Amino acid sequence: MNDELALVPRPLTWPERLFLRLLRWMELKTFGFKHPFSEELVRSSGFVGALNFGKAVGKAMGGLEKRYGLLVSNLIMGFAGLWNGCRYCGVGHLYAANLLHFKATGRLYPIAESDVPWLQELSYDESMVRVRGMLADEEFDEHLRIIERLYGLRGGAEAQNEEDRLLQLALASWAWLNECSAPITFDMQVQDVPAILEKTERGRILERYRAARDARSRKVAARATSLD
């Protein structure tokens, strides 16, 4: 009986309920969907903690977008989530990066959102070996440099400059977020995770991207079948 009671989440206080309503309204207005972990974030952090979290994440996202732009910012957030074991953040932000790359170039990014689950099954070092291979083209040298530095800082490297401190802030913010998001979304299927990108940015590119990605998957499958 006591074990059953322990599984019942505590009711939110009225300030927490108010904050959650505001948070969900902002999510719907910005993204067109609600994040599945928002209530747990508010419950576990409390009203003041949730406010502080919002400020920290806002500062991190604002700093990333100012320095790197939306595409690389989503790569950073995606890999932070991936290494933290959060399926939702890993897939959602890499999905967003893929859409932005496709919108800008008409080409598919080397790391698909569907690669996140199997990258999470590898050790951290093994996942970086795969990432280096996927981003081996010199077009992605800068992306790989940033991901390498993010990985080094996550492993305990000391910050050397302002860029490092910004990446550390992103890692700290997503570690906080993923304490709530990872347990709730760890087993989500890739197709159930939306691109974490403003709905105005997703626009009509989503349908074209999906058609191109599906065509690539069919081509790869056909090639594998021919080799059997």
Protein backbone atom coordinates (compact mmCIF):
# COMPACT_ATOMS: atom_id res chain seq x y z
CA MET A 1 0.00 0.00 0.00
CA ASN A 2 2.78 2.44 0.89
CA ASP A 3 4.58 1.62 -2.35
CA GLU A 4 1.42 2.39 -4.32
CA LEU A 5 1.00 5.73 -2.54
CA ALA A 6 4.61 6.64 -3.27
CA LEU A 7 3.91 6.40 -7.00
CA VAL A 8 1.13 8.99 -6.89
CA PRO A 9 2.57 12.37 -7.94
CA ARG A 10 1.93 15.23 -5.56
CA PRO A 11 -0.70 17.76 -6.61
CA LEU A 12 0.66 21.02 -7.96
CA THR A 13 0.22 24.13 -5.83
CA TRP A 14 -1.85 26.93 -7.36
CA PRO A 15 1.24 29.01 -8.34
CA GLU A 16 2.66 25.90 -9.98
CA ARG A 17 -0.61 25.23 -11.84
CA LEU A 18 -0.65 28.84 -13.02
CA PHE A 19 2.96 28.63 -14.18
CA LEU A 20 2.25 25.34 -15.98
CA ARG A 21 -0.73 26.85 -17.79
CA LEU A 22 1.46 29.75 -18.93
CA LEU A 23 4.24 27.37 -19.98
CA ARG A 24 1.88 25.19 -22.02
CA TRP A 25 0.31 28.25 -23.64
CA MET A 26 3.79 29.41 -24.69
CA GLU A 27 4.65 25.95 -26.03
CA LEU A 28 1.50 25.79 -28.13
CA LYS A 29 1.98 29.32 -29.42
CA THR A 30 5.65 28.77 -30.27
CA PHE A 31 5.85 25.13 -31.35
CA GLY A 32 2.25 24.08 -31.97
CA PHE A 33 2.56 21.24 -29.44
CA LYS A 34 3.17 20.69 -25.71
CA HIS A 35 6.28 19.05 -24.31
CA PRO A 36 5.36 15.83 -22.45
CA PHE A 37 7.54 16.55 -19.42
CA SER A 38 6.50 20.11 -18.54
CA GLU A 39 4.26 19.13 -15.64
CA GLU A 40 6.96 16.94 -14.10
CA LEU A 41 9.49 19.74 -14.51
CA VAL A 42 7.25 22.14 -12.57
CA ARG A 43 6.42 19.51 -9.95
CA SER A 44 10.02 18.49 -9.28
CA SER A 45 11.48 22.01 -9.41
CA GLY A 46 8.68 23.88 -7.63
CA PHE A 47 7.44 27.32 -8.61
CA VAL A 48 10.67 29.20 -7.87
CA GLY A 49 12.84 26.44 -9.31
CA ALA A 50 10.80 26.36 -12.51
CA LEU A 51 11.18 30.12 -12.86
CA ASN A 52 14.94 29.85 -12.37
CA PHE A 53 15.06 26.99 -14.86
CA GLY A 54 13.23 29.08 -17.44
CA LYS A 55 15.71 31.92 -16.99
CA ALA A 56 18.72 29.60 -17.29
CA VAL A 57 17.45 27.83 -20.40
CA GLY A 58 16.40 31.13 -21.97
CA LYS A 59 19.88 32.54 -21.38
CA ALA A 60 21.53 29.43 -22.80
CA MET A 61 19.31 29.28 -25.89
CA GLY A 62 19.64 33.00 -26.53
CA GLY A 63 23.42 32.83 -26.25
CA LEU A 64 23.65 29.80 -28.53
CA GLU A 65 21.42 31.29 -31.21
CA LYS A 66 23.28 34.61 -31.15
CA ARG A 67 26.67 32.94 -31.55
CA TYR A 68 25.88 29.99 -33.79
CA GLY A 69 22.46 30.46 -35.38
CA LEU A 70 19.52 28.06 -35.14
CA LEU A 71 21.01 25.05 -36.90
CA VAL A 72 24.15 24.66 -34.80
CA SER A 73 22.24 25.63 -31.64
CA ASN A 74 19.94 22.67 -32.24
CA LEU A 75 22.92 20.39 -32.84
CA ILE A 76 24.35 21.43 -29.47
CA MET A 77 21.04 20.96 -27.65
CA GLY A 78 20.46 17.66 -29.46
CA PHE A 79 23.81 16.17 -28.50
CA ALA A 80 23.50 17.42 -24.93
CA GLY A 81 20.16 15.61 -24.70
CA LEU A 82 21.45 12.52 -26.52
CA TRP A 83 24.36 12.07 -24.11
CA ASN A 84 22.04 12.66 -21.14
CA GLY A 85 19.84 9.78 -22.28
CA CYS A 86 16.90 11.97 -23.29
CA ARG A 87 15.30 10.49 -26.40
CA TYR A 88 12.93 13.45 -26.79
CA CYS A 89 15.59 16.18 -26.75
CA GLY A 90 18.07 14.18 -28.80
CA VAL A 91 15.61 13.36 -31.56
CA GLY A 92 13.66 16.63 -31.40
CA HIS A 93 16.64 18.96 -31.69
CA LEU A 94 18.50 16.88 -34.29
CA TYR A 95 15.24 16.73 -36.25
CA ALA A 96 15.13 20.54 -36.09
CA ALA A 97 18.76 20.78 -37.25
CA ASN A 98 17.95 18.46 -40.15
CA LEU A 99 15.00 20.59 -41.23
CA LEU A 100 17.09 23.77 -41.09
CA HIS A 101 19.93 22.19 -43.08
CA PHE A 102 17.50 20.86 -45.68
CA LYS A 103 15.77 24.23 -45.92
CA ALA A 104 19.09 26.01 -46.48
CA THR A 105 20.74 23.53 -48.86
CA GLY A 106 18.12 21.14 -50.22
CA ARG A 107 20.33 18.28 -48.98
CA LEU A 108 19.99 15.81 -46.12
CA TYR A 109 22.18 16.24 -43.05
CA PRO A 110 24.59 13.31 -42.44
CA ILE A 111 23.13 12.58 -38.99
CA ALA A 112 19.39 11.86 -39.14
CA GLU A 113 17.06 12.17 -36.18
CA SER A 114 16.47 8.42 -36.53
CA ASP A 115 20.16 7.83 -35.69
CA VAL A 116 19.67 9.00 -32.10
CA PRO A 117 18.43 5.69 -30.57
CA TRP A 118 21.34 3.61 -31.83
CA LEU A 119 23.87 6.31 -30.94
CA GLN A 120 22.46 6.23 -27.40
CA GLU A 121 23.08 2.49 -27.23
CA LEU A 122 26.82 3.05 -27.74
CA SER A 123 29.31 4.20 -25.15
CA TYR A 124 30.06 7.92 -25.17
CA ASP A 125 33.43 7.36 -26.85
CA GLU A 126 31.95 4.98 -29.42
CA SER A 127 29.21 7.47 -30.27
CA MET A 128 31.84 10.15 -30.93
CA VAL A 129 33.75 7.79 -33.23
CA ARG A 130 30.57 7.33 -35.27
CA VAL A 131 29.84 11.06 -35.28
CA ARG A 132 33.34 11.84 -36.55
CA GLY A 133 32.78 9.43 -39.42
CA MET A 134 29.36 10.88 -40.26
CA LEU A 135 30.70 14.45 -40.27
CA ALA A 136 33.95 13.62 -42.08
CA ASP A 137 33.21 15.87 -45.06
CA GLU A 138 35.02 19.20 -44.70
CA GLU A 139 31.68 20.99 -45.14
CA PHE A 140 30.94 19.95 -41.56
CA ASP A 141 34.35 20.70 -40.01
CA GLU A 142 32.98 23.53 -37.89
CA HIS A 143 30.02 21.46 -36.71
CA LEU A 144 32.36 18.66 -35.69
CA ARG A 145 34.71 21.09 -33.91
CA ILE A 146 31.84 22.38 -31.79
CA ILE A 147 30.50 18.90 -30.98
CA GLU A 148 34.02 17.73 -30.08
CA ARG A 149 34.44 20.66 -27.71
CA LEU A 150 31.01 20.08 -26.21
CA TYR A 151 31.98 16.46 -25.62
CA GLY A 152 35.28 17.45 -24.02
CA LEU A 153 33.62 19.92 -21.66
CA ARG A 154 31.01 17.32 -20.74
CA GLY A 155 33.88 15.00 -19.84
CA GLY A 156 35.42 17.55 -17.46
CA ALA A 157 37.69 19.73 -19.60
CA GLU A 158 38.26 23.20 -18.16
CA ALA A 159 36.67 26.17 -19.91
CA GLN A 160 39.25 28.26 -21.77
CA ASN A 161 37.19 31.08 -23.25
CA GLU A 162 33.72 32.60 -23.64
CA GLU A 163 32.66 29.94 -26.14
CA ASP A 164 33.51 27.20 -23.66
CA ARG A 165 31.55 28.94 -20.92
CA LEU A 166 28.52 29.20 -23.21
CA LEU A 167 28.75 25.49 -24.02
CA GLN A 168 29.07 24.72 -20.31
CA LEU A 169 25.92 26.73 -19.64
CA ALA A 170 24.10 24.72 -22.31
CA LEU A 171 25.30 21.44 -20.80
CA ALA A 172 24.25 22.49 -17.30
CA SER A 173 20.82 23.68 -18.48
CA TRP A 174 20.08 20.50 -20.40
CA ALA A 175 21.34 18.31 -17.55
CA TRP A 176 18.74 20.04 -15.36
CA LEU A 177 16.02 19.67 -17.97
CA ASN A 178 16.83 16.06 -18.74
CA GLU A 179 16.48 15.01 -15.11
CA CYS A 180 12.74 15.45 -15.75
CA SER A 181 12.47 14.74 -19.46
CA ALA A 182 14.62 11.59 -19.80
CA PRO A 183 12.63 9.32 -17.42
CA ILE A 184 9.39 10.28 -19.16
CA THR A 185 10.54 10.12 -22.79
CA PHE A 186 13.38 7.56 -22.80
CA ASP A 187 11.34 4.96 -24.71
CA MET A 188 9.53 7.27 -27.14
CA GLN A 189 9.56 6.14 -30.75
CA VAL A 190 11.39 8.42 -33.17
CA GLN A 191 8.24 8.99 -35.23
CA ASP A 192 6.41 10.25 -32.12
CA VAL A 193 8.94 13.02 -31.41
CA PRO A 194 8.31 16.35 -33.17
CA ALA A 195 11.00 18.66 -34.44
CA ILE A 196 11.63 21.11 -31.59
CA LEU A 197 11.48 24.12 -33.84
CA GLU A 198 9.14 27.08 -34.01
CA LYS A 199 6.13 26.24 -36.16
CA THR A 200 6.85 29.23 -38.40
CA GLU A 201 10.29 27.73 -39.14
CA ARG A 202 8.93 24.24 -39.82
CA GLY A 203 6.43 25.52 -42.37
CA ARG A 204 6.07 23.57 -45.57
CA ILE A 205 9.64 22.27 -45.42
CA LEU A 206 8.59 19.38 -43.18
CA GLU A 207 6.70 17.50 -45.89
CA ARG A 208 9.53 17.91 -48.42
CA TYR A 209 12.11 16.82 -45.87
CA ARG A 210 10.15 13.71 -44.92
CA ALA A 211 9.78 12.73 -48.58
CA ALA A 212 13.54 13.13 -49.15
CA ARG A 213 14.47 11.24 -45.98
CA ASP A 214 12.04 8.40 -46.77
CA ALA A 215 13.41 8.16 -50.31
CA ARG A 216 16.94 7.87 -48.88
CA SER A 217 15.81 5.11 -46.50
CA ARG A 218 14.22 3.15 -49.36
CA LYS A 219 17.38 3.50 -51.43
CA VAL A 220 19.56 2.24 -48.59
CA ALA A 221 17.18 -0.69 -47.93
CA ALA A 222 17.15 -1.64 -51.62
CA ARG A 223 20.95 -1.57 -51.75
CA ALA A 224 21.17 -3.78 -48.65
CA THR A 225 18.70 -6.25 -50.18
CA SER A 226 20.71 -6.47 -53.40
CA LEU A 227 23.83 -7.39 -51.41
CA ASP A 228 22.14 -10.31 -49.60
